[in-house]
Amino acid sequence: MSRLLIDGYNLIGILHRDLKKARQELIETLINYRKKKGHDITVVFDGYKTGPGMETVEYYGGVRVIYSGVSEKADDVIKRILKTEKLFWIVITSDRDIEKEAWKENCVPVSSSLFSEILNGEEYYFEHAKGVTLSKKEKAILRAVSKL
């Protein structure tokens, strides 16, 4: 079992007419993924524009869903979680600032596009040229992906 910290809207993308529906579909997908894999999943969304104004935490099928408050964006909440919870997270995002914060807090970022492929049941194969040495970060990412 791994702990996943997901940048929700980063994973969904912005090309949706009905963001609320896309968000609900992602949560349902994560619930099913959790049932299959057993991971501890936290997904964070911006809630400051449409939410109640304060940070909220809800649980659906064992998935922790956080909506940021009026004074924070989801990115800020994710960074705060990384700094305060001091757990080993696999952080699902393609945001460079969050990726840097994840590495700084000894966690491993995995790109949203790669995780999306994994959620859709696509196999991830890593090939590299013979004689090419992987960096420590590349090896860490491969270990994290193998757990997903």
Protein backbone atom coordinates (compact mmCIF):
# COMPACT_ATOMS: atom_id res chain seq x y z
CA MET A 1 0.00 0.00 0.00
CA SER A 2 1.22 3.48 -0.89
CA ARG A 3 0.06 6.95 0.00
CA LEU A 4 -1.03 9.04 -2.96
CA LEU A 5 -1.44 12.80 -2.81
CA ILE A 6 -3.19 13.97 -5.96
CA ASP A 7 -3.42 17.42 -7.52
CA GLY A 8 -7.06 16.94 -8.59
CA TYR A 9 -7.59 19.56 -11.27
CA ASN A 10 -4.10 18.94 -12.62
CA LEU A 11 -5.07 15.31 -13.17
CA ILE A 12 -8.48 16.16 -14.64
CA GLY A 13 -7.14 18.85 -16.97
CA ILE A 14 -8.95 21.99 -17.99
CA LEU A 15 -10.74 20.83 -21.13
CA HIS A 16 -14.05 19.97 -19.55
CA ARG A 17 -17.37 21.70 -20.04
CA ASP A 18 -18.69 20.38 -16.74
CA LEU A 19 -15.90 20.54 -14.19
CA LYS A 20 -18.18 19.36 -11.38
CA LYS A 21 -19.04 16.21 -13.33
CA ALA A 22 -15.37 15.60 -14.24
CA ARG A 23 -14.43 16.00 -10.57
CA GLN A 24 -17.10 13.50 -9.48
CA GLU A 25 -16.01 11.02 -12.15
CA LEU A 26 -12.40 11.29 -10.95
CA ILE A 27 -13.45 10.67 -7.34
CA GLU A 28 -15.42 7.58 -8.43
CA THR A 29 -12.42 6.35 -10.42
CA LEU A 30 -10.16 6.85 -7.40
CA ILE A 31 -12.60 4.97 -5.14
CA ASN A 32 -12.53 2.01 -7.53
CA TYR A 33 -8.75 2.23 -7.84
CA ARG A 34 -8.42 2.26 -4.04
CA LYS A 35 -10.63 -0.84 -3.79
CA LYS A 36 -8.42 -2.64 -6.29
CA LYS A 37 -5.00 -1.49 -5.03
CA GLY A 38 -5.57 -0.60 -1.38
CA HIS A 39 -3.72 2.71 -1.54
CA ASP A 40 -4.32 5.54 0.92
CA ILE A 41 -5.53 8.32 -1.42
CA THR A 42 -5.88 12.04 -0.83
CA VAL A 43 -7.05 14.29 -3.67
CA VAL A 44 -6.98 18.07 -3.40
CA PHE A 45 -9.11 20.49 -5.45
CA ASP A 46 -9.32 24.25 -5.59
CA GLY A 47 -12.45 25.13 -3.66
CA TYR A 48 -11.90 28.83 -3.21
CA LYS A 49 -14.10 29.87 -6.16
CA THR A 50 -17.07 27.56 -5.71
CA GLY A 51 -16.62 26.07 -2.25
CA PRO A 52 -17.96 27.19 1.12
CA GLY A 53 -15.06 29.60 1.65
CA MET A 54 -13.19 27.48 4.17
CA GLU A 55 -11.10 24.39 3.64
CA THR A 56 -13.22 21.26 3.75
CA VAL A 57 -12.32 17.59 4.06
CA GLU A 58 -14.72 14.87 2.98
CA TYR A 59 -14.37 11.10 2.63
CA TYR A 60 -15.88 9.05 -0.18
CA GLY A 61 -15.26 5.31 -0.29
CA GLY A 62 -12.11 5.77 1.79
CA VAL A 63 -10.71 8.53 -0.43
CA ARG A 64 -9.94 11.78 1.38
CA VAL A 65 -11.12 14.75 -0.71
CA ILE A 66 -9.91 18.21 0.27
CA TYR A 67 -11.22 21.50 -1.12
CA SER A 68 -9.00 24.50 -0.48
CA GLY A 69 -10.36 27.51 1.37
CA VAL A 70 -10.81 31.04 0.15
CA SER A 71 -7.26 32.13 0.96
CA GLU A 72 -5.47 29.07 -0.48
CA LYS A 73 -5.19 27.23 -3.73
CA ALA A 74 -4.96 23.46 -3.97
CA ASP A 75 -1.22 23.82 -4.63
CA ASP A 76 -0.80 25.53 -1.26
CA VAL A 77 -2.76 22.79 0.51
CA ILE A 78 -0.66 20.06 -1.14
CA LYS A 79 2.58 21.79 -0.14
CA ARG A 80 1.31 22.21 3.42
CA ILE A 81 0.39 18.51 3.62
CA LEU A 82 3.85 17.54 2.37
CA LYS A 83 5.49 19.74 5.01
CA THR A 84 3.27 18.90 7.98
CA GLU A 85 2.21 15.27 7.62
CA LYS A 86 5.79 14.04 7.09
CA LEU A 87 4.79 10.83 5.34
CA PHE A 88 6.19 9.25 2.22
CA TRP A 89 3.80 10.34 -0.52
CA ILE A 90 3.65 9.53 -4.19
CA VAL A 91 2.55 12.93 -5.44
CA ILE A 92 0.48 12.96 -8.62
CA THR A 93 1.00 16.27 -10.39
CA SER A 94 2.60 17.91 -13.38
CA ASP A 95 3.06 21.20 -11.55
CA ARG A 96 6.78 21.99 -11.30
CA ASP A 97 6.50 23.82 -7.96
CA ILE A 98 4.71 20.88 -6.36
CA GLU A 99 7.22 18.46 -7.90
CA LYS A 100 10.09 20.46 -6.35
CA GLU A 101 8.34 20.53 -2.97
CA ALA A 102 7.75 16.76 -3.14
CA TRP A 103 11.45 16.06 -3.75
CA LYS A 104 12.38 18.50 -0.98
CA GLU A 105 10.14 16.59 1.46
CA ASN A 106 11.58 13.20 0.39
CA CYS A 107 8.49 12.25 -1.58
CA VAL A 108 8.29 11.22 -5.23
CA PRO A 109 6.30 13.09 -7.88
CA VAL A 110 4.70 11.13 -10.72
CA SER A 111 3.28 13.01 -13.68
CA SER A 112 -0.48 13.34 -13.98
CA SER A 113 -0.40 12.04 -17.54
CA LEU A 114 1.41 8.86 -16.51
CA PHE A 115 -0.95 8.26 -13.58
CA SER A 116 -3.93 8.87 -15.88
CA GLU A 117 -2.65 6.10 -18.14
CA ILE A 118 -2.30 3.80 -15.13
CA LEU A 119 -5.86 4.62 -14.00
CA ASN A 120 -7.07 3.77 -17.50
CA GLY A 121 -5.46 0.33 -17.22
CA GLU A 122 -2.55 1.01 -19.54
CA GLU A 123 0.69 -0.74 -18.73
CA TYR A 124 3.77 1.36 -18.15
CA TYR A 125 6.99 0.05 -19.56
CA PHE A 126 10.27 1.79 -19.10
CA GLU A 127 12.96 1.24 -21.65
CA HIS A 128 16.35 2.82 -21.65
CA ALA A 129 19.42 2.39 -23.79
CA LYS A 130 22.02 -0.11 -22.72
CA GLY A 131 24.78 1.50 -20.75
CA VAL A 132 22.67 4.51 -19.74
CA THR A 133 22.71 5.14 -16.02
CA LEU A 134 19.54 6.42 -14.42
CA SER A 135 19.68 9.29 -11.95
CA LYS A 136 18.54 8.81 -8.34
CA LYS A 137 15.34 10.71 -9.14
CA GLU A 138 14.61 8.56 -12.19
CA LYS A 139 15.12 5.41 -10.13
CA ALA A 140 12.84 6.75 -7.39
CA ILE A 141 10.12 7.52 -9.93
CA LEU A 142 10.39 4.01 -11.39
CA ARG A 143 10.06 2.47 -7.92
CA ALA A 144 7.01 4.66 -7.20
CA VAL A 145 5.37 3.81 -10.52
CA SER A 146 5.90 0.10 -9.89
CA LYS A 147 3.76 0.46 -6.75
CA LEU A 148 0.90 2.06 -8.62
